[in-house]
Structure formats: structure tokens, C-alpha cells
Amino acid sequence: QVQVVESGGGSVQAGGSLRLSCAVSGRSFSSYAMGWLRQAPGKDRAFVASVNWDGRGTYYADSVKGRFTIFRDNAKNMVYLQMNSLRPEDTAVYYCAPMTCSRSGCVDPYSWFRSWGQGTQVTVSS
């Protein structure tokens, strides 16, 4: 059983920065990839970024490449998303989840993962 708690969201102006945190509880945290997804109003939840189990491999949606950085601390069971140069289109609720990996990367949450957190709201004003 994996549970997550996201935090660190807020309201910023375009060009600003935020760092999101995800506290993960459950067994074998360091054995699977973790990722961030976001859901904007009226849209489906979408992949943002992921990091593999040892932190050496990262994957990003094209829309955030060069602006966002994902990293993890396996000793603390934490996953982070550093977001720089924020844009109004980054406004969404951000969620973290354990991710399954394929040849195309780690872009989908595990199908067995049901314990979605409340997410953390990020609002970027122009």
C-alpha cells in the first residue's frame, strides 16, 4: 500500500518559482519510479515529470522541459518538483504517484495505485 501527501503549492506570478514536495509512505519506495501529474480545470490528469527508482533517469513532458526538475530522496521517502519560469498554463492541481516504466519512459501511474492524495494547487497569474 502506497500513500502520498503533496504540498508546496501556492499562487505566484508568471516567471516565478515553486518547489512541490511529496511524502510517500509504504513499502519499497526506493524500488519504483515516482512521478508528478497535473490536472487543470476541465482537463484530464496529465503527465508532468518522473524519476526512476535511483534518481538517475528523469522524464519530462515537452511543455515543462528546461523549466521543471524532478528529484527524489530515498532516505526520506520524498519526491520533489522544482518549478521555475512558471507560466499561467502551469496552473493546475499537482499530484504525485508511483509510475510504471516502458521503453517510452515512466509516464503512467501504476494501475494498482488508488490512494491519490489531495494534490496541491498551483496558480500562476500573468
Protein backbone atom coordinates (compact mmCIF):
# COMPACT_ATOMS: atom_id res chain seq x y z
CA GLN A 1 0.00 0.00 0.00
CA VAL A 2 1.43 3.34 -1.07
CA GLN A 3 0.10 6.64 0.21
CA VAL A 4 1.18 10.11 -0.81
CA VAL A 5 0.80 13.62 0.56
CA GLU A 6 1.58 16.55 -1.70
CA SER A 7 2.50 20.04 -0.52
CA GLY A 8 4.22 23.22 -1.58
CA GLY A 9 1.73 24.73 -3.99
CA GLY A 10 0.70 28.34 -3.99
CA SER A 11 -0.01 31.44 -6.05
CA VAL A 12 2.81 33.09 -7.96
CA GLN A 13 3.23 35.49 -10.82
CA ALA A 14 4.45 34.36 -14.20
CA GLY A 15 8.18 33.81 -14.14
CA GLY A 16 8.18 32.79 -10.50
CA SER A 17 9.22 29.53 -8.88
CA LEU A 18 7.76 26.92 -6.57
CA ARG A 19 9.01 23.64 -5.15
CA LEU A 20 6.48 20.89 -4.62
CA SER A 21 7.06 18.05 -2.18
CA CYS A 22 5.55 14.60 -2.00
CA ALA A 23 5.83 12.49 1.15
CA VAL A 24 5.43 8.81 0.38
CA SER A 25 4.59 6.06 2.83
CA GLY A 26 4.53 2.37 2.16
CA ARG A 27 6.88 -0.43 1.42
CA SER A 28 9.58 -0.47 -1.22
CA PHE A 29 9.51 3.25 -2.01
CA SER A 30 13.02 3.10 -3.43
CA SER A 31 12.13 0.26 -5.79
CA TYR A 32 9.82 2.15 -8.16
CA ALA A 33 9.73 5.29 -10.22
CA MET A 34 7.78 8.28 -8.95
CA GLY A 35 6.14 10.99 -10.93
CA TRP A 36 4.11 14.16 -10.92
CA LEU A 37 0.90 14.68 -12.84
CA ARG A 38 -1.36 17.70 -13.02
CA GLN A 39 -4.99 18.41 -13.70
CA ALA A 40 -6.15 21.76 -14.95
CA PRO A 41 -9.82 22.79 -14.73
CA GLY A 42 -11.88 20.94 -17.30
CA LYS A 43 -8.98 18.76 -18.40
CA ASP A 44 -7.79 15.24 -17.74
CA ARG A 45 -4.90 14.49 -15.42
CA ALA A 46 -1.68 14.71 -17.45
CA PHE A 47 1.90 13.58 -17.02
CA VAL A 48 4.41 16.24 -15.96
CA ALA A 49 7.63 14.54 -14.86
CA SER A 50 9.01 11.34 -13.40
CA VAL A 51 12.20 9.99 -11.89
CA ASN A 52 13.29 6.36 -11.83
CA TRP A 53 14.00 4.39 -8.69
CA ASP A 54 17.59 5.51 -8.20
CA GLY A 55 17.13 9.09 -9.35
CA ARG A 56 19.42 8.71 -12.34
CA GLY A 57 16.74 8.79 -15.01
CA THR A 58 14.21 11.56 -15.45
CA TYR A 59 11.42 12.17 -17.93
CA TYR A 60 9.51 15.36 -18.67
CA ALA A 61 6.52 16.47 -20.65
CA ASP A 62 7.60 18.68 -23.53
CA SER A 63 5.73 21.62 -22.04
CA VAL A 64 7.92 21.68 -18.91
CA LYS A 65 11.33 20.64 -20.23
CA GLY A 66 14.02 23.08 -19.24
CA ARG A 67 11.81 24.69 -16.59
CA PHE A 68 10.95 21.88 -14.15
CA THR A 69 13.28 19.49 -12.35
CA ILE A 70 12.21 16.35 -10.53
CA PHE A 71 14.34 14.65 -7.92
CA ARG A 72 13.95 12.28 -5.02
CA ASP A 73 15.45 11.49 -1.63
CA ASN A 74 15.07 7.78 -0.97
CA ALA A 75 16.38 8.12 2.58
CA LYS A 76 13.47 10.43 3.39
CA ASN A 77 10.82 8.85 1.13
CA MET A 78 10.37 12.19 -0.59
CA VAL A 79 9.90 13.32 -4.16
CA TYR A 80 10.24 16.94 -5.25
CA LEU A 81 9.36 19.06 -8.26
CA GLN A 82 11.27 22.30 -8.68
CA MET A 83 9.29 24.56 -10.98
CA ASN A 84 10.94 27.63 -12.46
CA SER A 85 9.81 30.16 -15.06
CA LEU A 86 6.21 29.37 -14.29
CA ARG A 87 3.55 30.23 -16.83
CA PRO A 88 -0.20 30.75 -16.48
CA GLU A 89 -0.74 27.47 -18.35
CA ASP A 90 1.01 25.65 -15.49
CA THR A 91 -1.99 26.43 -13.28
CA ALA A 92 -3.39 23.11 -12.06
CA VAL A 93 -3.66 20.75 -9.14
CA TYR A 94 -0.47 18.70 -8.95
CA TYR A 95 -0.41 15.07 -7.82
CA CYS A 96 2.36 12.57 -7.27
CA ALA A 97 2.16 8.85 -7.85
CA PRO A 98 4.27 5.72 -8.33
CA MET A 99 4.91 5.28 -12.03
CA THR A 100 5.27 2.31 -14.32
CA CYS A 101 8.03 2.38 -16.91
CA SER A 102 8.25 1.25 -20.51
CA ARG A 103 10.50 1.91 -23.47
CA SER A 104 8.92 5.33 -23.81
CA GLY A 105 9.71 6.24 -20.23
CA CYS A 106 7.88 6.32 -16.93
CA VAL A 107 4.80 8.32 -17.89
CA ASP A 108 1.85 6.38 -16.47
CA PRO A 109 0.89 5.72 -12.86
CA TYR A 110 0.62 2.11 -11.80
CA SER A 111 -2.87 0.75 -12.37
CA TRP A 112 -2.91 -0.64 -8.82
CA PHE A 113 -2.35 2.79 -7.31
CA ARG A 114 -5.62 4.02 -5.83
CA SER A 115 -4.57 6.20 -2.89
CA TRP A 116 -4.38 9.51 -4.70
CA GLY A 117 -3.61 12.43 -2.42
CA GLN A 118 -5.49 15.70 -2.27
CA GLY A 119 -2.96 17.26 -4.58
CA THR A 120 -1.52 20.73 -4.24
CA GLN A 121 -2.87 23.74 -6.09
CA VAL A 122 -0.52 25.82 -8.22
CA THR A 123 -1.87 29.09 -9.57
CA VAL A 124 0.20 31.25 -11.89
CA SER A 125 -1.05 34.72 -12.76
CA SER A 126 0.04 36.76 -15.74
